[in-house]
């Protein structure tokens, strides 16, 4: 979060510097509100191999985006079974994201 405030882009925070030799991150973007606690997403997506959660808290009354990184492509695909489910009173809207 501090890196974003300092001017870094989502891509550099999530995917690392350009030209890195690692495999691309398996990311899912999720709309969040200030009512959704990060622990709710962690609990919901742990069974699918959630490796990392990037959760900048949105401002009051606004929606924002969290990014979930999965350890396998199969886990990322399986996570989509939770699309449009309700977590902490908020309907999930999940989208694959190869870049932030």
PDB file of N, CA and C in Angstrom:
ATOM      1  N   UNK A   1       0.830  -1.190   0.000  1.00  0.00           N
ATOM      2  CA  UNK A   1       0.000   0.000   0.000  1.00  0.00           C
ATOM      3  C   UNK A   1       0.875   1.254   0.000  1.00  0.00           C
ATOM      4  N   UNK A   2       1.932   1.211   0.779  1.00  0.00           N
ATOM      5  CA  UNK A   2       2.842   2.374   0.819  1.00  0.00           C
ATOM      6  C   UNK A   2       3.459   2.639  -0.550  1.00  0.00           C
ATOM      7  N   UNK A   3       3.756   1.572  -1.283  1.00  0.00           N
ATOM      8  CA  UNK A   3       4.344   1.747  -2.615  1.00  0.00           C
ATOM      9  C   UNK A   3       3.363   2.430  -3.562  1.00  0.00           C
ATOM     10  N   UNK A   4       2.086   2.087  -3.456  1.00  0.00           N
ATOM     11  CA  UNK A   4       1.088   2.746  -4.310  1.00  0.00           C
ATOM     12  C   UNK A   4       0.976   4.222  -3.970  1.00  0.00           C
ATOM     13  N   UNK A   5       0.966   4.530  -2.680  1.00  0.00           N
ATOM     14  CA  UNK A   5       0.902   5.937  -2.271  1.00  0.00           C
ATOM     15  C   UNK A   5       2.129   6.709  -2.731  1.00  0.00           C
ATOM     16  N   UNK A   6       3.268   6.008  -2.828  1.00  0.00           N
ATOM     17  CA  UNK A   6       4.500   6.652  -3.265  1.00  0.00           C
ATOM     18  C   UNK A   6       4.577   6.807  -4.785  1.00  0.00           C
ATOM     19  N   UNK A   7       3.563   6.276  -5.517  1.00  0.00           N
ATOM     20  CA  UNK A   7       3.533   6.478  -6.958  1.00  0.00           C
ATOM     21  C   UNK A   7       3.796   5.248  -7.797  1.00  0.00           C
ATOM     22  N   UNK A   8       4.094   4.092  -7.179  1.00  0.00           N
ATOM     23  CA  UNK A   8       4.260   2.870  -7.964  1.00  0.00           C
ATOM     24  C   UNK A   8       2.932   2.484  -8.605  1.00  0.00           C
ATOM     25  N   UNK A   9       2.988   1.747  -9.687  1.00  0.00           N
ATOM     26  CA  UNK A   9       1.781   1.275 -10.357  1.00  0.00           C
ATOM     27  C   UNK A   9       1.372  -0.079  -9.772  1.00  0.00           C
ATOM     28  N   UNK A  10       0.107  -0.439 -10.007  1.00  0.00           N
ATOM     29  CA  UNK A  10      -0.357  -1.760  -9.576  1.00  0.00           C
ATOM     30  C   UNK A  10       0.514  -2.843 -10.192  1.00  0.00           C
ATOM     31  N   UNK A  11       0.851  -2.692 -11.464  1.00  0.00           N
ATOM     32  CA  UNK A  11       1.647  -3.710 -12.144  1.00  0.00           C
ATOM     33  C   UNK A  11       2.989  -3.915 -11.459  1.00  0.00           C
ATOM     34  N   UNK A  12       3.668  -2.852 -11.077  1.00  0.00           N
ATOM     35  CA  UNK A  12       4.973  -3.023 -10.438  1.00  0.00           C
ATOM     36  C   UNK A  12       4.845  -3.619  -9.045  1.00  0.00           C
ATOM     37  N   UNK A  13       3.770  -3.305  -8.344  1.00  0.00           N
ATOM     38  CA  UNK A  13       3.570  -3.852  -6.999  1.00  0.00           C
ATOM     39  C   UNK A  13       3.221  -5.337  -7.073  1.00  0.00           C
ATOM     40  N   UNK A  14       2.334  -5.703  -7.976  1.00  0.00           N
ATOM     41  CA  UNK A  14       1.859  -7.081  -8.040  1.00  0.00           C
ATOM     42  C   UNK A  14       2.749  -8.001  -8.855  1.00  0.00           C
ATOM     43  N   UNK A  15       3.266  -7.502  -9.958  1.00  0.00           N
ATOM     44  CA  UNK A  15       3.982  -8.365 -10.889  1.00  0.00           C
ATOM     45  C   UNK A  15       5.486  -8.213 -10.829  1.00  0.00           C
ATOM     46  N   UNK A  16       5.984  -7.243 -10.114  1.00  0.00           N
ATOM     47  CA  UNK A  16       7.423  -7.034 -10.034  1.00  0.00           C
ATOM     48  C   UNK A  16       7.916  -6.192 -11.195  1.00  0.00           C
ATOM     49  N   UNK A  17       9.217  -6.007 -11.280  1.00  0.00           N
ATOM     50  CA  UNK A  17       9.779  -5.163 -12.336  1.00  0.00           C
ATOM     51  C   UNK A  17       9.616  -5.804 -13.712  1.00  0.00           C
ATOM     52  N   UNK A  18       9.555  -4.983 -14.769  1.00  0.00           N
ATOM     53  CA  UNK A  18       9.449  -5.525 -16.126  1.00  0.00           C
ATOM     54  C   UNK A  18      10.626  -6.446 -16.443  1.00  0.00           C
ATOM     55  N   UNK A  19      10.365  -7.497 -17.201  1.00  0.00           N
ATOM     56  CA  UNK A  19      11.435  -8.395 -17.625  1.00  0.00           C
ATOM     57  C   UNK A  19      11.825  -9.446 -16.606  1.00  0.00           C
ATOM     58  N   UNK A  20      11.096  -9.593 -15.528  1.00  0.00           N
ATOM     59  CA  UNK A  20      11.470 -10.622 -14.553  1.00  0.00           C
ATOM     60  C   UNK A  20      11.297 -11.988 -15.188  1.00  0.00           C
ATOM     61  N   UNK A  21      12.065 -12.961 -14.731  1.00  0.00           N
ATOM     62  CA  UNK A  21      12.058 -14.273 -15.371  1.00  0.00           C
ATOM     63  C   UNK A  21      11.063 -15.245 -14.746  1.00  0.00           C
ATOM     64  N   UNK A  22      10.397 -14.875 -13.671  1.00  0.00           N
ATOM     65  CA  UNK A  22       9.433 -15.755 -13.026  1.00  0.00           C
ATOM     66  C   UNK A  22       8.183 -15.893 -13.879  1.00  0.00           C
ATOM     67  N   UNK A  23       7.414 -16.946 -13.604  1.00  0.00           N
ATOM     68  CA  UNK A  23       6.134 -17.134 -14.289  1.00  0.00           C
ATOM     69  C   UNK A  23       5.199 -15.995 -13.908  1.00  0.00           C
ATOM     70  N   UNK A  24       4.281 -15.634 -14.801  1.00  0.00           N
ATOM     71  CA  UNK A  24       3.353 -14.552 -14.479  1.00  0.00           C
ATOM     72  C   UNK A  24       2.462 -14.922 -13.299  1.00  0.00           C
ATOM     73  N   UNK A  25       2.082 -13.940 -12.543  1.00  0.00           N
ATOM     74  CA  UNK A  25       1.215 -14.160 -11.391  1.00  0.00           C
ATOM     75  C   UNK A  25      -0.164 -14.582 -11.869  1.00  0.00           C
ATOM     76  N   UNK A  26      -0.802 -15.445 -11.097  1.00  0.00           N
ATOM     77  CA  UNK A  26      -2.153 -15.912 -11.393  1.00  0.00           C
ATOM     78  C   UNK A  26      -3.104 -15.088 -10.544  1.00  0.00           C
ATOM     79  N   UNK A  27      -3.552 -13.971 -11.089  1.00  0.00           N
ATOM     80  CA  UNK A  27      -4.295 -12.981 -10.327  1.00  0.00           C
ATOM     81  C   UNK A  27      -5.784 -12.988 -10.638  1.00  0.00           C
ATOM     82  N   UNK A  28      -6.558 -12.685  -9.610  1.00  0.00           N
ATOM     83  CA  UNK A  28      -7.985 -12.436  -9.737  1.00  0.00           C
ATOM     84  C   UNK A  28      -8.254 -11.095  -9.072  1.00  0.00           C
ATOM     85  N   UNK A  29      -8.953 -10.222  -9.794  1.00  0.00           N
ATOM     86  CA  UNK A  29      -9.331  -8.921  -9.248  1.00  0.00           C
ATOM     87  C   UNK A  29     -10.731  -9.041  -8.667  1.00  0.00           C
ATOM     88  N   UNK A  30     -10.932  -8.407  -7.518  1.00  0.00           N
ATOM     89  CA  UNK A  30     -12.207  -8.500  -6.821  1.00  0.00           C
ATOM     90  C   UNK A  30     -12.615  -7.122  -6.326  1.00  0.00           C
ATOM     91  N   UNK A  31     -13.851  -6.742  -6.598  1.00  0.00           N
ATOM     92  CA  UNK A  31     -14.367  -5.466  -6.094  1.00  0.00           C
ATOM     93  C   UNK A  31     -14.604  -5.597  -4.593  1.00  0.00           C
ATOM     94  N   UNK A  32     -14.187  -4.588  -3.825  1.00  0.00           N
ATOM     95  CA  UNK A  32     -14.368  -4.590  -2.373  1.00  0.00           C
ATOM     96  C   UNK A  32     -14.908  -3.237  -1.909  1.00  0.00           C
ATOM     97  N   UNK A  33     -15.510  -3.248  -0.729  1.00  0.00           N
ATOM     98  CA  UNK A  33     -15.967  -2.016  -0.089  1.00  0.00           C
ATOM     99  C   UNK A  33     -15.319  -1.926   1.281  1.00  0.00           C
ATOM    100  N   UNK A  34     -15.525  -0.802   1.951  1.00  0.00           N
ATOM    101  CA  UNK A  34     -14.930  -0.637   3.277  1.00  0.00           C
ATOM    102  C   UNK A  34     -15.542  -1.590   4.296  1.00  0.00           C
ATOM    103  N   UNK A  35     -16.708  -2.174   3.984  1.00  0.00           N
ATOM    104  CA  UNK A  35     -17.359  -3.117   4.908  1.00  0.00           C
ATOM    105  C   UNK A  35     -16.738  -4.505   4.881  1.00  0.00           C
ATOM    106  N   UNK A  36     -15.986  -4.826   3.846  1.00  0.00           N
ATOM    107  CA  UNK A  36     -15.427  -6.172   3.712  1.00  0.00           C
ATOM    108  C   UNK A  36     -14.066  -6.256   4.388  1.00  0.00           C
ATOM    109  N   UNK A  37     -13.943  -7.089   5.426  1.00  0.00           N
ATOM    110  CA  UNK A  37     -12.629  -7.240   6.060  1.00  0.00           C
ATOM    111  C   UNK A  37     -11.738  -8.177   5.238  1.00  0.00           C
ATOM    112  N   UNK A  38     -10.436  -7.923   5.185  1.00  0.00           N
ATOM    113  CA  UNK A  38      -9.525  -8.802   4.438  1.00  0.00           C
ATOM    114  C   UNK A  38      -9.611 -10.256   4.893  1.00  0.00           C
ATOM    115  N   UNK A  39      -9.827 -10.481   6.185  1.00  0.00           N
ATOM    116  CA  UNK A  39      -9.893 -11.857   6.693  1.00  0.00           C
ATOM    117  C   UNK A  39     -11.032 -12.644   6.055  1.00  0.00           C
ATOM    118  N   UNK A  40     -12.106 -11.966   5.673  1.00  0.00           N
ATOM    119  CA  UNK A  40     -13.225 -12.653   5.029  1.00  0.00           C
ATOM    120  C   UNK A  40     -12.793 -13.226   3.674  1.00  0.00           C
ATOM    121  N   UNK A  41     -12.027 -12.465   2.895  1.00  0.00           N
ATOM    122  CA  UNK A  41     -11.530 -12.970   1.617  1.00  0.00           C
ATOM    123  C   UNK A  41     -10.516 -14.081   1.823  1.00  0.00           C
ATOM    124  N   UNK A  42      -9.640 -13.916   2.806  1.00  0.00           N
ATOM    125  CA  UNK A  42      -8.661 -14.962   3.095  1.00  0.00           C
ATOM    126  C   UNK A  42      -9.358 -16.278   3.425  1.00  0.00           C
ATOM    127  N   UNK A  43     -10.350 -16.216   4.262  1.00  0.00           N
ATOM    128  CA  UNK A  43     -11.102 -17.409   4.675  1.00  0.00           C
ATOM    129  C   UNK A  43     -11.847 -18.020   3.488  1.00  0.00           C
ATOM    130  N   UNK A  44     -12.456 -17.188   2.664  1.00  0.00           N
ATOM    131  CA  UNK A  44     -13.255 -17.656   1.532  1.00  0.00           C
ATOM    132  C   UNK A  44     -12.413 -18.350   0.467  1.00  0.00           C
ATOM    133  N   UNK A  45     -11.195 -17.833   0.221  1.00  0.00           N
ATOM    134  CA  UNK A  45     -10.404 -18.334  -0.900  1.00  0.00           C
ATOM    135  C   UNK A  45      -9.227 -19.215  -0.499  1.00  0.00           C
ATOM    136  N   UNK A  46      -8.989 -19.445   0.767  1.00  0.00           N
ATOM    137  CA  UNK A  46      -7.914 -20.337   1.220  1.00  0.00           C
ATOM    138  C   UNK A  46      -8.031 -21.736   0.615  1.00  0.00           C
ATOM    139  N   UNK A  47      -9.238 -22.310   0.515  1.00  0.00           N
ATOM    140  CA  UNK A  47      -9.340 -23.662  -0.066  1.00  0.00           C
ATOM    141  C   UNK A  47      -8.901 -23.765  -1.522  1.00  0.00           C
ATOM    142  N   UNK A  48      -8.759 -22.642  -2.200  1.00  0.00           N
ATOM    143  CA  UNK A  48      -8.391 -22.648  -3.615  1.00  0.00           C
ATOM    144  C   UNK A  48      -6.901 -22.374  -3.839  1.00  0.00           C
ATOM    145  N   UNK A  49      -6.110 -22.371  -2.789  1.00  0.00           N
ATOM    146  CA  UNK A  49      -4.670 -22.146  -2.936  1.00  0.00           C
ATOM    147  C   UNK A  49      -4.297 -20.678  -3.024  1.00  0.00           C
ATOM    148  N   UNK A  50      -5.019 -19.836  -2.296  1.00  0.00           N
ATOM    149  CA  UNK A  50      -4.691 -18.409  -2.269  1.00  0.00           C
ATOM    150  C   UNK A  50      -3.276 -18.229  -1.721  1.00  0.00           C
ATOM    151  N   UNK A  51      -2.411 -17.631  -2.524  1.00  0.00           N
ATOM    152  CA  UNK A  51      -1.017 -17.429  -2.117  1.00  0.00           C
ATOM    153  C   UNK A  51      -0.802 -16.061  -1.484  1.00  0.00           C
ATOM    154  N   UNK A  52      -1.463 -15.027  -2.038  1.00  0.00           N
ATOM    155  CA  UNK A  52      -1.296 -13.659  -1.545  1.00  0.00           C
ATOM    156  C   UNK A  52      -2.561 -12.875  -1.762  1.00  0.00           C
ATOM    157  N   UNK A  53      -2.812 -11.951  -0.862  1.00  0.00           N
ATOM    158  CA  UNK A  53      -3.937 -11.033  -0.993  1.00  0.00           C
ATOM    159  C   UNK A  53      -3.403  -9.613  -0.918  1.00  0.00           C
ATOM    160  N   UNK A  54      -3.707  -8.822  -1.929  1.00  0.00           N
ATOM    161  CA  UNK A  54      -3.361  -7.399  -1.961  1.00  0.00           C
ATOM    162  C   UNK A  54      -4.668  -6.652  -1.725  1.00  0.00           C
ATOM    163  N   UNK A  55      -4.774  -5.989  -0.577  1.00  0.00           N
ATOM    164  CA  UNK A  55      -6.064  -5.433  -0.168  1.00  0.00           C
ATOM    165  C   UNK A  55      -5.897  -3.993   0.307  1.00  0.00           C
ATOM    166  N   UNK A  56      -5.820  -3.030  -0.592  1.00  0.00           N
ATOM    167  CA  UNK A  56      -5.832  -1.633  -0.159  1.00  0.00           C
ATOM    168  C   UNK A  56      -7.253  -1.251   0.234  1.00  0.00           C
ATOM    169  N   UNK A  57      -7.440  -0.802   1.437  1.00  0.00           N
ATOM    170  CA  UNK A  57      -8.789  -0.484   1.921  1.00  0.00           C
ATOM    171  C   UNK A  57      -9.323   0.753   1.208  1.00  0.00           C
ATOM    172  N   UNK A  58     -10.518   0.627   0.609  1.00  0.00           N
ATOM    173  CA  UNK A  58     -11.094   1.784  -0.089  1.00  0.00           C
ATOM    174  C   UNK A  58     -11.576   2.848   0.894  1.00  0.00           C
ATOM    175  N   UNK A  59     -11.687   4.053   0.413  1.00  0.00           N
ATOM    176  CA  UNK A  59     -12.194   5.159   1.227  1.00  0.00           C
ATOM    177  C   UNK A  59     -13.657   4.905   1.577  1.00  0.00           C
ATOM    178  N   UNK A  60     -14.115   5.502   2.656  1.00  0.00           N
ATOM    179  CA  UNK A  60     -15.495   5.336   3.114  1.00  0.00           C
ATOM    180  C   UNK A  60     -16.467   5.690   1.994  1.00  0.00           C
ATOM    181  N   UNK A  61     -17.454   4.811   1.790  1.00  0.00           N
ATOM    182  CA  UNK A  61     -18.470   5.057   0.778  1.00  0.00           C
ATOM    183  C   UNK A  61     -18.036   4.764  -0.648  1.00  0.00           C
ATOM    184  N   UNK A  62     -16.846   4.263  -0.837  1.00  0.00           N
ATOM    185  CA  UNK A  62     -16.325   3.999  -2.184  1.00  0.00           C
ATOM    186  C   UNK A  62     -16.055   2.504  -2.342  1.00  0.00           C
ATOM    187  N   UNK A  63     -15.949   2.069  -3.580  1.00  0.00           N
ATOM    188  CA  UNK A  63     -15.512   0.703  -3.842  1.00  0.00           C
ATOM    189  C   UNK A  63     -14.079   0.750  -4.332  1.00  0.00           C
ATOM    190  N   UNK A  64     -13.381  -0.325  -4.114  1.00  0.00           N
ATOM    191  CA  UNK A  64     -12.002  -0.445  -4.561  1.00  0.00           C
ATOM    192  C   UNK A  64     -11.788  -1.839  -5.125  1.00  0.00           C
ATOM    193  N   UNK A  65     -10.535  -2.188  -5.347  1.00  0.00           N
ATOM    194  CA  UNK A  65     -10.206  -3.504  -5.883  1.00  0.00           C
ATOM    195  C   UNK A  65      -9.133  -4.162  -5.037  1.00  0.00           C
ATOM    196  N   UNK A  66      -9.368  -5.422  -4.734  1.00  0.00           N
ATOM    197  CA  UNK A  66      -8.354  -6.269  -4.119  1.00  0.00           C
ATOM    198  C   UNK A  66      -7.864  -7.222  -5.205  1.00  0.00           C
ATOM    199  N   UNK A  67      -6.640  -7.676  -5.073  1.00  0.00           N
ATOM    200  CA  UNK A  67      -6.085  -8.647  -6.006  1.00  0.00           C
ATOM    201  C   UNK A  67      -5.676  -9.878  -5.219  1.00  0.00           C
ATOM    202  N   UNK A  68      -6.101 -11.043  -5.711  1.00  0.00           N
ATOM    203  CA  UNK A  68      -5.746 -12.305  -5.080  1.00  0.00           C
ATOM    204  C   UNK A  68      -4.834 -13.065  -6.023  1.00  0.00           C
ATOM    205  N   UNK A  69      -3.727 -13.544  -5.487  1.00  0.00           N
ATOM    206  CA  UNK A  69      -2.776 -14.316  -6.277  1.00  0.00           C
ATOM    207  C   UNK A  69      -2.887 -15.781  -5.861  1.00  0.00           C
ATOM    208  N   UNK A  70      -3.033 -16.652  -6.842  1.00  0.00           N
ATOM    209  CA  UNK A  70      -3.191 -18.079  -6.588  1.00  0.00           C
ATOM    210  C   UNK A  70      -1.940 -18.837  -6.995  1.00  0.00           C
ATOM    211  N   UNK A  71      -1.700 -19.965  -6.319  1.00  0.00           N
ATOM    212  CA  UNK A  71      -0.486 -20.732  -6.567  1.00  0.00           C
ATOM    213  C   UNK A  71      -0.573 -21.584  -7.834  1.00  0.00           C
ATOM    214  N   UNK A  72      -1.792 -21.875  -8.299  1.00  0.00           N
ATOM    215  CA  UNK A  72      -1.943 -22.668  -9.523  1.00  0.00           C
ATOM    216  C   UNK A  72      -3.070 -22.096 -10.383  1.00  0.00           C
ATOM    217  N   UNK A  73      -2.990 -22.377 -11.681  1.00  0.00           N
ATOM    218  CA  UNK A  73      -4.057 -21.956 -12.589  1.00  0.00           C
ATOM    219  C   UNK A  73      -5.361 -22.671 -12.246  1.00  0.00           C
ATOM    220  N   UNK A  74      -5.262 -23.934 -11.838  1.00  0.00           N
ATOM    221  CA  UNK A  74      -6.465 -24.688 -11.454  1.00  0.00           C
ATOM    222  C   UNK A  74      -7.128 -24.056 -10.232  1.00  0.00           C
ATOM    223  N   UNK A  75      -6.332 -23.602  -9.287  1.00  0.00           N
ATOM    224  CA  UNK A  75      -6.880 -22.924  -8.111  1.00  0.00           C
ATOM    225  C   UNK A  75      -7.569 -21.626  -8.478  1.00  0.00           C
ATOM    226  N   UNK A  76      -6.958 -20.896  -9.394  1.00  0.00           N
ATOM    227  CA  UNK A  76      -7.573 -19.636  -9.830  1.00  0.00           C
ATOM    228  C   UNK A  76      -8.909 -19.909 -10.518  1.00  0.00           C
ATOM    229  N   UNK A  77      -8.940 -20.928 -11.388  1.00  0.00           N
ATOM    230  CA  UNK A  77     -10.200 -21.277 -12.058  1.00  0.00           C
ATOM    231  C   UNK A  77     -11.254 -21.713 -11.041  1.00  0.00           C
ATOM    232  N   UNK A  78     -10.845 -22.515 -10.062  1.00  0.00           N
ATOM    233  CA  UNK A  78     -11.789 -22.990  -9.048  1.00  0.00           C
ATOM    234  C   UNK A  78     -12.322 -21.832  -8.201  1.00  0.00           C
ATOM    235  N   UNK A  79     -11.494 -20.824  -7.964  1.00  0.00           N
ATOM    236  CA  UNK A  79     -11.927 -19.667  -7.180  1.00  0.00           C
ATOM    237  C   UNK A  79     -13.101 -18.956  -7.846  1.00  0.00           C
ATOM    238  N   UNK A  80     -13.175 -19.036  -9.150  1.00  0.00           N
ATOM    239  CA  UNK A  80     -14.274 -18.382  -9.872  1.00  0.00           C
ATOM    240  C   UNK A  80     -15.638 -19.006  -9.575  1.00  0.00           C
ATOM    241  N   UNK A  81     -15.658 -20.176  -8.945  1.00  0.00           N
ATOM    242  CA  UNK A  81     -16.951 -20.749  -8.545  1.00  0.00           C
ATOM    243  C   UNK A  81     -17.614 -19.897  -7.478  1.00  0.00           C
ATOM    244  N   UNK A  82     -16.861 -19.013  -6.847  1.00  0.00           N
ATOM    245  CA  UNK A  82     -17.402 -18.125  -5.808  1.00  0.00           C
ATOM    246  C   UNK A  82     -17.854 -16.784  -6.389  1.00  0.00           C
ATOM    247  N   UNK A  83     -17.716 -16.591  -7.699  1.00  0.00           N
ATOM    248  CA  UNK A  83     -18.156 -15.345  -8.327  1.00  0.00           C
ATOM    249  C   UNK A  83     -19.646 -15.133  -8.058  1.00  0.00           C
ATOM    250  N   UNK A  84     -19.996 -13.933  -7.689  1.00  0.00           N
ATOM    251  CA  UNK A  84     -21.354 -13.489  -7.370  1.00  0.00           C
ATOM    252  C   UNK A  84     -21.884 -14.035  -6.042  1.00  0.00           C
ATOM    253  N   UNK A  85     -21.055 -14.759  -5.293  1.00  0.00           N
ATOM    254  CA  UNK A  85     -21.445 -15.170  -3.938  1.00  0.00           C
ATOM    255  C   UNK A  85     -21.328 -13.948  -3.021  1.00  0.00           C
ATOM    256  N   UNK A  86     -21.943 -14.026  -1.849  1.00  0.00           N
ATOM    257  CA  UNK A  86     -21.865 -12.930  -0.891  1.00  0.00           C
ATOM    258  C   UNK A  86     -20.871 -13.268   0.210  1.00  0.00           C
ATOM    259  N   UNK A  87     -19.969 -12.338   0.478  1.00  0.00           N
ATOM    260  CA  UNK A  87     -18.988 -12.469   1.553  1.00  0.00           C
ATOM    261  C   UNK A  87     -19.067 -11.196   2.376  1.00  0.00           C
ATOM    262  N   UNK A  88     -19.296 -11.345   3.660  1.00  0.00           N
ATOM    263  CA  UNK A  88     -19.417 -10.194   4.566  1.00  0.00           C
ATOM    264  C   UNK A  88     -20.456  -9.192   4.053  1.00  0.00           C
ATOM    265  N   UNK A  89     -21.536  -9.716   3.474  1.00  0.00           N
ATOM    266  CA  UNK A  89     -22.616  -8.862   2.993  1.00  0.00           C
ATOM    267  C   UNK A  89     -22.333  -8.148   1.686  1.00  0.00           C
ATOM    268  N   UNK A  90     -21.244  -8.508   1.005  1.00  0.00           N
ATOM    269  CA  UNK A  90     -20.865  -7.865  -0.257  1.00  0.00           C
ATOM    270  C   UNK A  90     -20.824  -8.932  -1.345  1.00  0.00           C
ATOM    271  N   UNK A  91     -21.476  -8.666  -2.481  1.00  0.00           N
ATOM    272  CA  UNK A  91     -21.456  -9.623  -3.584  1.00  0.00           C
ATOM    273  C   UNK A  91     -20.106  -9.556  -4.291  1.00  0.00           C
ATOM    274  N   UNK A  92     -19.476 -10.724  -4.462  1.00  0.00           N
ATOM    275  CA  UNK A  92     -18.183 -10.784  -5.127  1.00  0.00           C
ATOM    276  C   UNK A  92     -18.343 -10.615  -6.629  1.00  0.00           C
ATOM    277  N   UNK A  93     -17.448  -9.835  -7.224  1.00  0.00           N
ATOM    278  CA  UNK A  93     -17.338  -9.708  -8.664  1.00  0.00           C
ATOM    279  C   UNK A  93     -15.881 -10.013  -8.984  1.00  0.00           C
ATOM    280  N   UNK A  94     -15.641 -11.186  -9.547  1.00  0.00           N
ATOM    281  CA  UNK A  94     -14.277 -11.670  -9.797  1.00  0.00           C
ATOM    282  C   UNK A  94     -13.927 -11.594 -11.271  1.00  0.00           C
ATOM    283  N   UNK A  95     -12.721 -11.125 -11.561  1.00  0.00           N
ATOM    284  CA  UNK A  95     -12.209 -11.057 -12.931  1.00  0.00           C
ATOM    285  C   UNK A  95     -10.769 -11.506 -12.945  1.00  0.00           C
ATOM    286  N   UNK A  96     -10.393 -12.339 -13.929  1.00  0.00           N
ATOM    287  CA  UNK A  96      -8.982 -12.683 -14.100  1.00  0.00           C
ATOM    288  C   UNK A  96      -8.208 -11.427 -14.445  1.00  0.00           C
ATOM    289  N   UNK A  97      -7.000 -11.354 -13.962  1.00  0.00           N
ATOM    290  CA  UNK A  97      -6.180 -10.183 -14.233  1.00  0.00           C
ATOM    291  C   UNK A  97      -4.737 -10.616 -14.386  1.00  0.00           C
ATOM    292  N   UNK A  98      -4.191 -10.473 -15.584  1.00  0.00           N
ATOM    293  CA  UNK A  98      -2.792 -10.787 -15.803  1.00  0.00           C
ATOM    294  C   UNK A  98      -1.911  -9.567 -15.571  1.00  0.00           C
ATOM    295  N   UNK A  99      -2.500  -8.395 -15.588  1.00  0.00           N
ATOM    296  CA  UNK A  99      -1.773  -7.186 -15.243  1.00  0.00           C
ATOM    297  C   UNK A  99      -2.710  -6.321 -14.424  1.00  0.00           C
ATOM    298  N   UNK A 100      -2.144  -5.528 -13.565  1.00  0.00           N
ATOM    299  CA  UNK A 100      -2.961  -4.721 -12.659  1.00  0.00           C
ATOM    300  C   UNK A 100      -3.298  -3.387 -13.270  1.00  0.00           C
TER     301      UNK A 100
END
